[in-house]
Amino acid sequence: MKNIWLSICYVLGPGVGMVLAHITISLFNGEGVTIQNTFKFFVYGIIAGLILLILRLMIKGKTLEG
């Protein structure tokens, strides 16, 4: 069960990071932060996290449960 929770965090981490980076860059550039763009960057981060998770599982040769 621990590996499943770690995998969920492994996928959500890049999504949250992308959102924070988007908000920071938008504020420094003086642009408005919209919900649509923020959600778009969150989805991009989730996709990146899924790719990283799949690569990690392929390299280690394990499943989510062990």
C-alpha atoms as a PDB file:
ATOM      1  CA  MET A   1       0.000   0.000   0.000  1.00  0.00           C
ATOM      2  CA  LYS A   2       2.920   2.312   0.736  1.00  0.00           C
ATOM      3  CA  ASN A   3       4.207   1.969  -2.831  1.00  0.00           C
ATOM      4  CA  ILE A   4       0.820   2.975  -4.230  1.00  0.00           C
ATOM      5  CA  TRP A   5       0.756   6.178  -2.150  1.00  0.00           C
ATOM      6  CA  LEU A   6       4.329   6.972  -3.159  1.00  0.00           C
ATOM      7  CA  SER A   7       3.411   6.452  -6.804  1.00  0.00           C
ATOM      8  CA  ILE A   8       0.438   8.813  -6.475  1.00  0.00           C
ATOM      9  CA  CYS A   9       2.729  11.451  -4.975  1.00  0.00           C
ATOM     10  CA  TYR A  10       5.279  10.751  -7.694  1.00  0.00           C
ATOM     11  CA  VAL A  11       2.626  11.575 -10.321  1.00  0.00           C
ATOM     12  CA  LEU A  12       1.111  14.608  -8.552  1.00  0.00           C
ATOM     13  CA  GLY A  13       4.469  16.204  -7.701  1.00  0.00           C
ATOM     14  CA  PRO A  14       5.297  17.469 -11.200  1.00  0.00           C
ATOM     15  CA  GLY A  15       1.726  18.752 -11.593  1.00  0.00           C
ATOM     16  CA  VAL A  16       1.964  20.884  -8.474  1.00  0.00           C
ATOM     17  CA  GLY A  17       5.432  22.049  -9.467  1.00  0.00           C
ATOM     18  CA  MET A  18       4.233  23.110 -12.906  1.00  0.00           C
ATOM     19  CA  VAL A  19       1.355  25.083 -11.363  1.00  0.00           C
ATOM     20  CA  LEU A  20       3.680  26.883  -8.954  1.00  0.00           C
ATOM     21  CA  ALA A  21       6.140  27.651 -11.741  1.00  0.00           C
ATOM     22  CA  HIS A  22       3.339  28.955 -13.968  1.00  0.00           C
ATOM     23  CA  ILE A  23       1.977  31.229 -11.249  1.00  0.00           C
ATOM     24  CA  THR A  24       5.450  32.536 -10.370  1.00  0.00           C
ATOM     25  CA  ILE A  25       6.431  33.252 -13.976  1.00  0.00           C
ATOM     26  CA  SER A  26       3.073  34.866 -14.753  1.00  0.00           C
ATOM     27  CA  LEU A  27       3.319  37.162 -11.744  1.00  0.00           C
ATOM     28  CA  PHE A  28       6.882  38.206 -12.570  1.00  0.00           C
ATOM     29  CA  ASN A  29       5.898  38.948 -16.180  1.00  0.00           C
ATOM     30  CA  GLY A  30       2.896  40.965 -15.093  1.00  0.00           C
ATOM     31  CA  GLU A  31       0.433  38.635 -16.808  1.00  0.00           C
ATOM     32  CA  GLY A  32      -2.845  37.548 -15.326  1.00  0.00           C
ATOM     33  CA  VAL A  33      -3.154  34.070 -13.882  1.00  0.00           C
ATOM     34  CA  THR A  34      -6.228  32.331 -15.262  1.00  0.00           C
ATOM     35  CA  ILE A  35      -7.816  29.096 -14.104  1.00  0.00           C
ATOM     36  CA  GLN A  36      -7.702  27.665 -17.636  1.00  0.00           C
ATOM     37  CA  ASN A  37      -3.948  28.147 -18.051  1.00  0.00           C
ATOM     38  CA  THR A  38      -3.246  26.945 -14.526  1.00  0.00           C
ATOM     39  CA  PHE A  39      -5.291  23.788 -15.087  1.00  0.00           C
ATOM     40  CA  LYS A  40      -3.548  23.255 -18.438  1.00  0.00           C
ATOM     41  CA  PHE A  41      -0.129  23.337 -16.759  1.00  0.00           C
ATOM     42  CA  PHE A  42      -1.383  20.981 -14.020  1.00  0.00           C
ATOM     43  CA  VAL A  43      -2.472  18.474 -16.683  1.00  0.00           C
ATOM     44  CA  TYR A  44       0.925  18.811 -18.417  1.00  0.00           C
ATOM     45  CA  GLY A  45       2.613  18.068 -15.098  1.00  0.00           C
ATOM     46  CA  ILE A  46       0.396  15.025 -14.489  1.00  0.00           C
ATOM     47  CA  ILE A  47       1.279  13.678 -17.942  1.00  0.00           C
ATOM     48  CA  ALA A  48       4.987  14.218 -17.225  1.00  0.00           C
ATOM     49  CA  GLY A  49       4.585  12.471 -13.867  1.00  0.00           C
ATOM     50  CA  LEU A  50       2.897   9.478 -15.495  1.00  0.00           C
ATOM     51  CA  ILE A  51       5.711   9.201 -18.024  1.00  0.00           C
ATOM     52  CA  LEU A  52       8.291   9.353 -15.230  1.00  0.00           C
ATOM     53  CA  LEU A  53       6.406   6.721 -13.223  1.00  0.00           C
ATOM     54  CA  ILE A  54       6.215   4.354 -16.190  1.00  0.00           C
ATOM     55  CA  LEU A  55       9.925   4.804 -16.903  1.00  0.00           C
ATOM     56  CA  ARG A  56      10.757   4.241 -13.226  1.00  0.00           C
ATOM     57  CA  LEU A  57       8.736   1.038 -13.130  1.00  0.00           C
ATOM     58  CA  MET A  58      10.289  -0.186 -16.375  1.00  0.00           C
ATOM     59  CA  ILE A  59      13.826   0.434 -15.133  1.00  0.00           C
ATOM     60  CA  LYS A  60      13.261  -1.194 -11.747  1.00  0.00           C
ATOM     61  CA  GLY A  61      11.168  -3.995 -13.228  1.00  0.00           C
ATOM     62  CA  LYS A  62       8.560  -3.760 -10.490  1.00  0.00           C
ATOM     63  CA  THR A  63       4.827  -3.199 -10.192  1.00  0.00           C
ATOM     64  CA  LEU A  64       3.025  -0.668  -8.028  1.00  0.00           C
ATOM     65  CA  GLU A  65       2.452  -3.276  -5.321  1.00  0.00           C
ATOM     66  CA  GLY A  66       5.964  -4.581  -5.007  1.00  0.00           C
END
